Amino acid sequence: MADRICVEVVCATAERQVVRRLNLPVGSTVIQAVEQSGVLREMPGVAFDPLRLGVFSRRVAPDEMLRDGDRVEIYRPLTLDPKDARRRRAR
């Protein structure tokens, strides 16, 4: 059994996307991957909230353990409420 896992950490804005591949020890958590990736240092304008993290489009807790091949996603706050957007389009 391998003692390392390979994961990706991704963060995107309207202008830019950053993807980092990491080799981490088995048992690493989502927040550890984010911290070790350096993505937040590279994208200082992103409003980071540890409760807005996901793995393959599924929201997860920062302390969730990762598996080999996982893609950690850093979500940014919505700029417009989807319900408001639909109402505006309907008008």
PDB file of N, CA and C in Angstrom:
ATOM      1  N   MET A   1       0.840  -1.186   0.000  1.00  0.00           N
ATOM      2  CA  MET A   1       0.000   0.000   0.000  1.00  0.00           C
ATOM      3  C   MET A   1       0.883   1.247   0.000  1.00  0.00           C
ATOM      4  N   ALA A   2       0.530   2.213  -0.822  1.00  0.00           N
ATOM      5  CA  ALA A   2       1.312   3.447  -0.948  1.00  0.00           C
ATOM      6  C   ALA A   2       1.130   4.320   0.284  1.00  0.00           C
ATOM      7  N   ASP A   3       2.169   5.059   0.623  1.00  0.00           N
ATOM      8  CA  ASP A   3       2.087   5.958   1.771  1.00  0.00           C
ATOM      9  C   ASP A   3       1.880   7.404   1.339  1.00  0.00           C
ATOM     10  N   ARG A   4       1.675   7.634   0.028  1.00  0.00           N
ATOM     11  CA  ARG A   4       1.447   8.979  -0.517  1.00  0.00           C
ATOM     12  C   ARG A   4       0.225   8.951  -1.421  1.00  0.00           C
ATOM     13  N   ILE A   5      -0.436  10.096  -1.546  1.00  0.00           N
ATOM     14  CA  ILE A   5      -1.554  10.237  -2.475  1.00  0.00           C
ATOM     15  C   ILE A   5      -1.292  11.440  -3.370  1.00  0.00           C
ATOM     16  N   CYS A   6      -1.870  11.421  -4.555  1.00  0.00           N
ATOM     17  CA  CYS A   6      -1.752  12.529  -5.490  1.00  0.00           C
ATOM     18  C   CYS A   6      -3.119  13.205  -5.580  1.00  0.00           C
ATOM     19  N   VAL A   7      -3.159  14.511  -5.328  1.00  0.00           N
ATOM     20  CA  VAL A   7      -4.406  15.274  -5.398  1.00  0.00           C
ATOM     21  C   VAL A   7      -4.155  16.565  -6.161  1.00  0.00           C
ATOM     22  N   GLU A   8      -5.246  17.192  -6.613  1.00  0.00           N
ATOM     23  CA  GLU A   8      -5.180  18.505  -7.246  1.00  0.00           C
ATOM     24  C   GLU A   8      -5.924  19.492  -6.370  1.00  0.00           C
ATOM     25  N   VAL A   9      -5.446  20.729  -6.337  1.00  0.00           N
ATOM     26  CA  VAL A   9      -6.149  21.833  -5.682  1.00  0.00           C
ATOM     27  C   VAL A   9      -6.406  22.866  -6.764  1.00  0.00           C
ATOM     28  N   VAL A  10      -7.672  23.283  -6.908  1.00  0.00           N
ATOM     29  CA  VAL A  10      -8.032  24.237  -7.948  1.00  0.00           C
ATOM     30  C   VAL A  10      -8.780  25.422  -7.352  1.00  0.00           C
ATOM     31  N   CYS A  11      -8.546  26.577  -7.962  1.00  0.00           N
ATOM     32  CA  CYS A  11      -9.233  27.806  -7.588  1.00  0.00           C
ATOM     33  C   CYS A  11      -9.383  28.625  -8.863  1.00  0.00           C
ATOM     34  N   ALA A  12     -10.567  29.223  -9.048  1.00  0.00           N
ATOM     35  CA  ALA A  12     -10.798  29.980 -10.277  1.00  0.00           C
ATOM     36  C   ALA A  12     -11.559  31.264  -9.984  1.00  0.00           C
ATOM     37  N   THR A  13     -11.210  32.288 -10.735  1.00  0.00           N
ATOM     38  CA  THR A  13     -11.969  33.530 -10.760  1.00  0.00           C
ATOM     39  C   THR A  13     -12.429  33.720 -12.197  1.00  0.00           C
ATOM     40  N   ALA A  14     -13.108  34.813 -12.456  1.00  0.00           N
ATOM     41  CA  ALA A  14     -13.561  35.070 -13.825  1.00  0.00           C
ATOM     42  C   ALA A  14     -12.372  35.268 -14.766  1.00  0.00           C
ATOM     43  N   GLU A  15     -11.254  35.741 -14.222  1.00  0.00           N
ATOM     44  CA  GLU A  15     -10.091  36.053 -15.053  1.00  0.00           C
ATOM     45  C   GLU A  15      -9.043  34.957 -15.106  1.00  0.00           C
ATOM     46  N   ARG A  16      -9.013  34.098 -14.091  1.00  0.00           N
ATOM     47  CA  ARG A  16      -7.862  33.210 -13.963  1.00  0.00           C
ATOM     48  C   ARG A  16      -8.217  31.906 -13.259  1.00  0.00           C
ATOM     49  N   GLN A  17      -7.505  30.856 -13.599  1.00  0.00           N
ATOM     50  CA  GLN A  17      -7.659  29.568 -12.939  1.00  0.00           C
ATOM     51  C   GLN A  17      -6.280  29.054 -12.550  1.00  0.00           C
ATOM     52  N   VAL A  18      -6.162  28.527 -11.340  1.00  0.00           N
ATOM     53  CA  VAL A  18      -4.903  27.951 -10.868  1.00  0.00           C
ATOM     54  C   VAL A  18      -5.161  26.506 -10.464  1.00  0.00           C
ATOM     55  N   VAL A  19      -4.319  25.607 -10.953  1.00  0.00           N
ATOM     56  CA  VAL A  19      -4.406  24.189 -10.623  1.00  0.00           C
ATOM     57  C   VAL A  19      -3.037  23.744 -10.130  1.00  0.00           C
ATOM     58  N   ARG A  20      -3.016  23.106  -8.982  1.00  0.00           N
ATOM     59  CA  ARG A  20      -1.757  22.609  -8.417  1.00  0.00           C
ATOM     60  C   ARG A  20      -1.894  21.124  -8.109  1.00  0.00           C
ATOM     61  N   ARG A  21      -0.914  20.329  -8.544  1.00  0.00           N
ATOM     62  CA  ARG A  21      -0.855  18.907  -8.210  1.00  0.00           C
ATOM     63  C   ARG A  21       0.067  18.738  -7.020  1.00  0.00           C
ATOM     64  N   LEU A  22      -0.373  17.920  -6.081  1.00  0.00           N
ATOM     65  CA  LEU A  22       0.411  17.683  -4.873  1.00  0.00           C
ATOM     66  C   LEU A  22       0.531  16.197  -4.589  1.00  0.00           C
ATOM     67  N   ASN A  23       1.643  15.815  -4.012  1.00  0.00           N
ATOM     68  CA  ASN A  23       1.815  14.485  -3.438  1.00  0.00           C
ATOM     69  C   ASN A  23       1.833  14.671  -1.937  1.00  0.00           C
ATOM     70  N   LEU A  24       0.856  14.092  -1.263  1.00  0.00           N
ATOM     71  CA  LEU A  24       0.693  14.272   0.180  1.00  0.00           C
ATOM     72  C   LEU A  24       0.724  12.923   0.881  1.00  0.00           C
ATOM     73  N   PRO A  25       1.008  12.937   2.176  1.00  0.00           N
ATOM     74  CA  PRO A  25       0.943  11.676   2.925  1.00  0.00           C
ATOM     75  C   PRO A  25      -0.501  11.179   3.027  1.00  0.00           C
ATOM     76  N   VAL A  26      -0.669   9.874   3.053  1.00  0.00           N
ATOM     77  CA  VAL A  26      -1.991   9.299   3.286  1.00  0.00           C
ATOM     78  C   VAL A  26      -2.502   9.843   4.621  1.00  0.00           C
ATOM     79  N   GLY A  27      -3.778  10.214   4.664  1.00  0.00           N
ATOM     80  CA  GLY A  27      -4.357  10.778   5.883  1.00  0.00           C
ATOM     81  C   GLY A  27      -4.412  12.293   5.867  1.00  0.00           C
ATOM     82  N   SER A  28      -3.932  12.918   4.792  1.00  0.00           N
ATOM     83  CA  SER A  28      -3.977  14.381   4.685  1.00  0.00           C
ATOM     84  C   SER A  28      -5.422  14.841   4.523  1.00  0.00           C
ATOM     85  N   THR A  29      -5.689  16.054   5.010  1.00  0.00           N
ATOM     86  CA  THR A  29      -7.039  16.601   4.957  1.00  0.00           C
ATOM     87  C   THR A  29      -7.154  17.644   3.844  1.00  0.00           C
ATOM     88  N   VAL A  30      -8.385  18.038   3.591  1.00  0.00           N
ATOM     89  CA  VAL A  30      -8.670  19.039   2.567  1.00  0.00           C
ATOM     90  C   VAL A  30      -7.944  20.343   2.888  1.00  0.00           C
ATOM     91  N   ILE A  31      -8.033  20.813   4.117  1.00  0.00           N
ATOM     92  CA  ILE A  31      -7.418  22.095   4.474  1.00  0.00           C
ATOM     93  C   ILE A  31      -5.895  22.007   4.390  1.00  0.00           C
ATOM     94  N   GLN A  32      -5.317  20.868   4.701  1.00  0.00           N
ATOM     95  CA  GLN A  32      -3.868  20.710   4.571  1.00  0.00           C
ATOM     96  C   GLN A  32      -3.453  20.814   3.106  1.00  0.00           C
ATOM     97  N   ALA A  33      -4.247  20.244   2.223  1.00  0.00           N
ATOM     98  CA  ALA A  33      -3.939  20.329   0.796  1.00  0.00           C
ATOM     99  C   ALA A  33      -3.993  21.771   0.319  1.00  0.00           C
ATOM    100  N   VAL A  34      -5.013  22.512   0.754  1.00  0.00           N
ATOM    101  CA  VAL A  34      -5.137  23.921   0.363  1.00  0.00           C
ATOM    102  C   VAL A  34      -3.930  24.707   0.851  1.00  0.00           C
ATOM    103  N   GLU A  35      -3.560  24.514   2.105  1.00  0.00           N
ATOM    104  CA  GLU A  35      -2.426  25.247   2.686  1.00  0.00           C
ATOM    105  C   GLU A  35      -1.121  24.912   1.976  1.00  0.00           C
ATOM    106  N   GLN A  36      -0.897  23.648   1.682  1.00  0.00           N
ATOM    107  CA  GLN A  36       0.367  23.235   1.063  1.00  0.00           C
ATOM    108  C   GLN A  36       0.444  23.574  -0.419  1.00  0.00           C
ATOM    109  N   SER A  37      -0.711  23.791  -1.054  1.00  0.00           N
ATOM    110  CA  SER A  37      -0.714  24.074  -2.490  1.00  0.00           C
ATOM    111  C   SER A  37      -0.164  25.449  -2.830  1.00  0.00           C
ATOM    112  N   GLY A  38      -0.323  26.424  -1.933  1.00  0.00           N
ATOM    113  CA  GLY A  38       0.116  27.788  -2.214  1.00  0.00           C
ATOM    114  C   GLY A  38      -0.834  28.559  -3.117  1.00  0.00           C
ATOM    115  N   VAL A  39      -1.975  27.988  -3.446  1.00  0.00           N
ATOM    116  CA  VAL A  39      -2.934  28.635  -4.340  1.00  0.00           C
ATOM    117  C   VAL A  39      -3.410  29.970  -3.770  1.00  0.00           C
ATOM    118  N   LEU A  40      -3.674  30.023  -2.485  1.00  0.00           N
ATOM    119  CA  LEU A  40      -4.201  31.260  -1.892  1.00  0.00           C
ATOM    120  C   LEU A  40      -3.158  32.378  -1.891  1.00  0.00           C
ATOM    121  N   ARG A  41      -1.890  32.035  -1.775  1.00  0.00           N
ATOM    122  CA  ARG A  41      -0.837  33.053  -1.864  1.00  0.00           C
ATOM    123  C   ARG A  41      -0.733  33.586  -3.284  1.00  0.00           C
ATOM    124  N   GLU A  42      -0.994  32.716  -4.254  1.00  0.00           N
ATOM    125  CA  GLU A  42      -0.903  33.119  -5.647  1.00  0.00           C
ATOM    126  C   GLU A  42      -2.124  33.928  -6.101  1.00  0.00           C
ATOM    127  N   MET A  43      -3.236  33.748  -5.401  1.00  0.00           N
ATOM    128  CA  MET A  43      -4.475  34.460  -5.741  1.00  0.00           C
ATOM    129  C   MET A  43      -4.969  35.228  -4.513  1.00  0.00           C
ATOM    130  N   PRO A  44      -4.276  36.298  -4.131  1.00  0.00           N
ATOM    131  CA  PRO A  44      -4.611  36.996  -2.888  1.00  0.00           C
ATOM    132  C   PRO A  44      -5.980  37.659  -2.900  1.00  0.00           C
ATOM    133  N   GLY A  45      -6.567  37.890  -4.056  1.00  0.00           N
ATOM    134  CA  GLY A  45      -7.871  38.539  -4.122  1.00  0.00           C
ATOM    135  C   GLY A  45      -9.044  37.624  -3.807  1.00  0.00           C
ATOM    136  N   VAL A  46      -8.802  36.334  -3.687  1.00  0.00           N
ATOM    137  CA  VAL A  46      -9.882  35.379  -3.427  1.00  0.00           C
ATOM    138  C   VAL A  46     -10.246  35.435  -1.949  1.00  0.00           C
ATOM    139  N   ALA A  47     -11.538  35.626  -1.683  1.00  0.00           N
ATOM    140  CA  ALA A  47     -12.033  35.643  -0.301  1.00  0.00           C
ATOM    141  C   ALA A  47     -12.163  34.192   0.159  1.00  0.00           C
ATOM    142  N   PHE A  48     -11.184  33.722   0.906  1.00  0.00           N
ATOM    143  CA  PHE A  48     -11.156  32.321   1.318  1.00  0.00           C
ATOM    144  C   PHE A  48     -11.996  32.097   2.565  1.00  0.00           C
ATOM    145  N   ASP A  49     -12.853  31.081   2.500  1.00  0.00           N
ATOM    146  CA  ASP A  49     -13.659  30.638   3.640  1.00  0.00           C
ATOM    147  C   ASP A  49     -13.477  29.130   3.734  1.00  0.00           C
ATOM    148  N   PRO A  50     -12.924  28.616   4.837  1.00  0.00           N
ATOM    149  CA  PRO A  50     -12.679  27.173   4.942  1.00  0.00           C
ATOM    150  C   PRO A  50     -13.946  26.329   4.844  1.00  0.00           C
ATOM    151  N   LEU A  51     -15.103  26.959   4.983  1.00  0.00           N
ATOM    152  CA  LEU A  51     -16.353  26.216   4.864  1.00  0.00           C
ATOM    153  C   LEU A  51     -16.851  26.168   3.419  1.00  0.00           C
ATOM    154  N   ARG A  52     -16.111  26.773   2.498  1.00  0.00           N
ATOM    155  CA  ARG A  52     -16.472  26.760   1.075  1.00  0.00           C
ATOM    156  C   ARG A  52     -15.445  25.954   0.290  1.00  0.00           C
ATOM    157  N   LEU A  53     -15.346  24.675   0.652  1.00  0.00           N
ATOM    158  CA  LEU A  53     -14.421  23.771  -0.019  1.00  0.00           C
ATOM    159  C   LEU A  53     -15.193  22.559  -0.516  1.00  0.00           C
ATOM    160  N   GLY A  54     -14.694  21.955  -1.574  1.00  0.00           N
ATOM    161  CA  GLY A  54     -15.350  20.768  -2.100  1.00  0.00           C
ATOM    162  C   GLY A  54     -14.355  19.810  -2.715  1.00  0.00           C
ATOM    163  N   VAL A  55     -14.828  18.612  -2.948  1.00  0.00           N
ATOM    164  CA  VAL A  55     -14.073  17.593  -3.665  1.00  0.00           C
ATOM    165  C   VAL A  55     -14.975  17.090  -4.774  1.00  0.00           C
ATOM    166  N   PHE A  56     -14.562  17.314  -6.017  1.00  0.00           N
ATOM    167  CA  PHE A  56     -15.362  16.925  -7.187  1.00  0.00           C
ATOM    168  C   PHE A  56     -16.804  17.428  -7.072  1.00  0.00           C
ATOM    169  N   SER A  57     -16.976  18.731  -6.833  1.00  0.00           N
ATOM    170  CA  SER A  57     -18.279  19.411  -6.798  1.00  0.00           C
ATOM    171  C   SER A  57     -19.159  19.017  -5.617  1.00  0.00           C
ATOM    172  N   ARG A  58     -18.608  18.365  -4.624  1.00  0.00           N
ATOM    173  CA  ARG A  58     -19.359  17.995  -3.423  1.00  0.00           C
ATOM    174  C   ARG A  58     -18.742  18.736  -2.245  1.00  0.00           C
ATOM    175  N   ARG A  59     -19.549  19.539  -1.561  1.00  0.00           N
ATOM    176  CA  ARG A  59     -19.012  20.286  -0.422  1.00  0.00           C
ATOM    177  C   ARG A  59     -18.545  19.339   0.662  1.00  0.00           C
ATOM    178  N   VAL A  60     -17.409  19.698   1.258  1.00  0.00           N
ATOM    179  CA  VAL A  60     -16.821  18.857   2.301  1.00  0.00           C
ATOM    180  C   VAL A  60     -16.337  19.744   3.444  1.00  0.00           C
ATOM    181  N   ALA A  61     -16.148  19.112   4.593  1.00  0.00           N
ATOM    182  CA  ALA A  61     -15.577  19.802   5.754  1.00  0.00           C
ATOM    183  C   ALA A  61     -14.071  19.932   5.543  1.00  0.00           C
ATOM    184  N   PRO A  62     -13.471  20.991   6.108  1.00  0.00           N
ATOM    185  CA  PRO A  62     -12.021  21.178   5.945  1.00  0.00           C
ATOM    186  C   PRO A  62     -11.190  20.026   6.487  1.00  0.00           C
ATOM    187  N   ASP A  63     -11.731  19.292   7.465  1.00  0.00           N
ATOM    188  CA  ASP A  63     -10.962  18.212   8.078  1.00  0.00           C
ATOM    189  C   ASP A  63     -11.235  16.844   7.453  1.00  0.00           C
ATOM    190  N   GLU A  64     -11.936  16.812   6.320  1.00  0.00           N
ATOM    191  CA  GLU A  64     -12.190  15.532   5.645  1.00  0.00           C
ATOM    192  C   GLU A  64     -10.897  15.004   5.040  1.00  0.00           C
ATOM    193  N   MET A  65     -10.674  13.716   5.204  1.00  0.00           N
ATOM    194  CA  MET A  65      -9.460  13.100   4.658  1.00  0.00           C
ATOM    195  C   MET A  65      -9.606  12.897   3.156  1.00  0.00           C
ATOM    196  N   LEU A  66      -8.496  13.063   2.467  1.00  0.00           N
ATOM    197  CA  LEU A  66      -8.459  12.936   1.018  1.00  0.00           C
ATOM    198  C   LEU A  66      -8.081  11.524   0.598  1.00  0.00           C
ATOM    199  N   ARG A  67      -8.490  11.190  -0.632  1.00  0.00           N
ATOM    200  CA  ARG A  67      -8.096   9.922  -1.244  1.00  0.00           C
ATOM    201  C   ARG A  67      -7.285  10.214  -2.496  1.00  0.00           C
ATOM    202  N   ASP A  68      -6.543   9.249  -2.923  1.00  0.00           N
ATOM    203  CA  ASP A  68      -5.721   9.400  -4.116  1.00  0.00           C
ATOM    204  C   ASP A  68      -6.600   9.785  -5.307  1.00  0.00           C
ATOM    205  N   GLY A  69      -6.187  10.830  -6.034  1.00  0.00           N
ATOM    206  CA  GLY A  69      -6.903  11.273  -7.221  1.00  0.00           C
ATOM    207  C   GLY A  69      -7.958  12.339  -6.972  1.00  0.00           C
ATOM    208  N   ASP A  70      -8.191  12.730  -5.721  1.00  0.00           N
ATOM    209  CA  ASP A  70      -9.204  13.751  -5.415  1.00  0.00           C
ATOM    210  C   ASP A  70      -8.824  15.104  -6.003  1.00  0.00           C
ATOM    211  N   ARG A  71      -9.843  15.898  -6.326  1.00  0.00           N
ATOM    212  CA  ARG A  71      -9.642  17.279  -6.774  1.00  0.00           C
ATOM    213  C   ARG A  71     -10.310  18.186  -5.753  1.00  0.00           C
ATOM    214  N   VAL A  72      -9.512  18.947  -5.024  1.00  0.00           N
ATOM    215  CA  VAL A  72     -10.010  19.884  -4.017  1.00  0.00           C
ATOM    216  C   VAL A  72     -10.345  21.191  -4.720  1.00  0.00           C
ATOM    217  N   GLU A  73     -11.556  21.687  -4.492  1.00  0.00           N
ATOM    218  CA  GLU A  73     -12.009  22.913  -5.132  1.00  0.00           C
ATOM    219  C   GLU A  73     -12.251  23.987  -4.075  1.00  0.00           C
ATOM    220  N   ILE A  74     -11.712  25.167  -4.329  1.00  0.00           N
ATOM    221  CA  ILE A  74     -11.924  26.318  -3.451  1.00  0.00           C
ATOM    222  C   ILE A  74     -13.032  27.152  -4.083  1.00  0.00           C
ATOM    223  N   TYR A  75     -14.165  27.236  -3.396  1.00  0.00           N
ATOM    224  CA  TYR A  75     -15.311  27.969  -3.935  1.00  0.00           C
ATOM    225  C   TYR A  75     -15.267  29.414  -3.477  1.00  0.00           C
ATOM    226  N   ARG A  76     -15.698  30.312  -4.364  1.00  0.00           N
ATOM    227  CA  ARG A  76     -15.774  31.725  -3.995  1.00  0.00           C
ATOM    228  C   ARG A  76     -17.229  32.093  -3.776  1.00  0.00           C
ATOM    229  N   PRO A  77     -17.474  33.160  -3.034  1.00  0.00           N
ATOM    230  CA  PRO A  77     -18.864  33.560  -2.781  1.00  0.00           C
ATOM    231  C   PRO A  77     -19.569  33.941  -4.082  1.00  0.00           C
ATOM    232  N   LEU A  78     -20.863  33.710  -4.121  1.00  0.00           N
ATOM    233  CA  LEU A  78     -21.652  34.100  -5.287  1.00  0.00           C
ATOM    234  C   LEU A  78     -21.731  35.612  -5.366  1.00  0.00           C
ATOM    235  N   THR A  79     -21.664  36.139  -6.570  1.00  0.00           N
ATOM    236  CA  THR A  79     -21.790  37.587  -6.744  1.00  0.00           C
ATOM    237  C   THR A  79     -23.249  37.994  -6.905  1.00  0.00           C
ATOM    238  N   LEU A  80     -24.096  37.035  -7.276  1.00  0.00           N
ATOM    239  CA  LEU A  80     -25.511  37.305  -7.477  1.00  0.00           C
ATOM    240  C   LEU A  80     -26.290  36.066  -7.072  1.00  0.00           C
ATOM    241  N   ASP A  81     -27.343  36.260  -6.308  1.00  0.00           N
ATOM    242  CA  ASP A  81     -28.198  35.157  -5.888  1.00  0.00           C
ATOM    243  C   ASP A  81     -28.876  34.550  -7.119  1.00  0.00           C
ATOM    244  N   PRO A  82     -28.807  33.237  -7.317  1.00  0.00           N
ATOM    245  CA  PRO A  82     -29.410  32.621  -8.510  1.00  0.00           C
ATOM    246  C   PRO A  82     -30.904  32.913  -8.646  1.00  0.00           C
ATOM    247  N   LYS A  83     -31.616  32.989  -7.539  1.00  0.00           N
ATOM    248  CA  LYS A  83     -33.051  33.303  -7.617  1.00  0.00           C
ATOM    249  C   LYS A  83     -33.268  34.710  -8.153  1.00  0.00           C
ATOM    250  N   ASP A  84     -32.452  35.663  -7.695  1.00  0.00           N
ATOM    251  CA  ASP A  84     -32.556  37.029  -8.204  1.00  0.00           C
ATOM    252  C   ASP A  84     -32.227  37.087  -9.695  1.00  0.00           C
ATOM    253  N   ALA A  85     -31.241  36.330 -10.109  1.00  0.00           N
ATOM    254  CA  ALA A  85     -30.865  36.316 -11.524  1.00  0.00           C
ATOM    255  C   ALA A  85     -32.020  35.805 -12.382  1.00  0.00           C
ATOM    256  N   ARG A  86     -32.706  34.751 -11.933  1.00  0.00           N
ATOM    257  CA  ARG A  86     -33.853  34.228 -12.686  1.00  0.00           C
ATOM    258  C   ARG A  86     -34.979  35.255 -12.744  1.00  0.00           C
ATOM    259  N   ARG A  87     -35.222  35.928 -11.631  1.00  0.00           N
ATOM    260  CA  ARG A  87     -36.269  36.964 -11.613  1.00  0.00           C
ATOM    261  C   ARG A  87     -35.949  38.082 -12.593  1.00  0.00           C
ATOM    262  N   ARG A  88     -34.713  38.499 -12.639  1.00  0.00           N
ATOM    263  CA  ARG A  88     -34.316  39.558 -13.559  1.00  0.00           C
ATOM    264  C   ARG A  88     -34.495  39.144 -15.016  1.00  0.00           C
ATOM    265  N   ARG A  89     -34.127  37.896 -15.317  1.00  0.00           N
ATOM    266  CA  ARG A  89     -34.287  37.411 -16.688  1.00  0.00           C
ATOM    267  C   ARG A  89     -35.756  37.299 -17.060  1.00  0.00           C
ATOM    268  N   ALA A  90     -36.616  36.971 -16.110  1.00  0.00           N
ATOM    269  CA  ALA A  90     -38.050  36.815 -16.386  1.00  0.00           C
ATOM    270  C   ALA A  90     -38.717  38.142 -16.690  1.00  0.00           C
ATOM    271  N   ARG A  91     -38.166  39.236 -16.164  1.00  0.00           N
ATOM    272  CA  ARG A  91     -38.765  40.566 -16.386  1.00  0.00           C
ATOM    273  C   ARG A  91     -38.562  41.054 -17.752  1.00  0.00           C
TER     274      ARG A  91
END
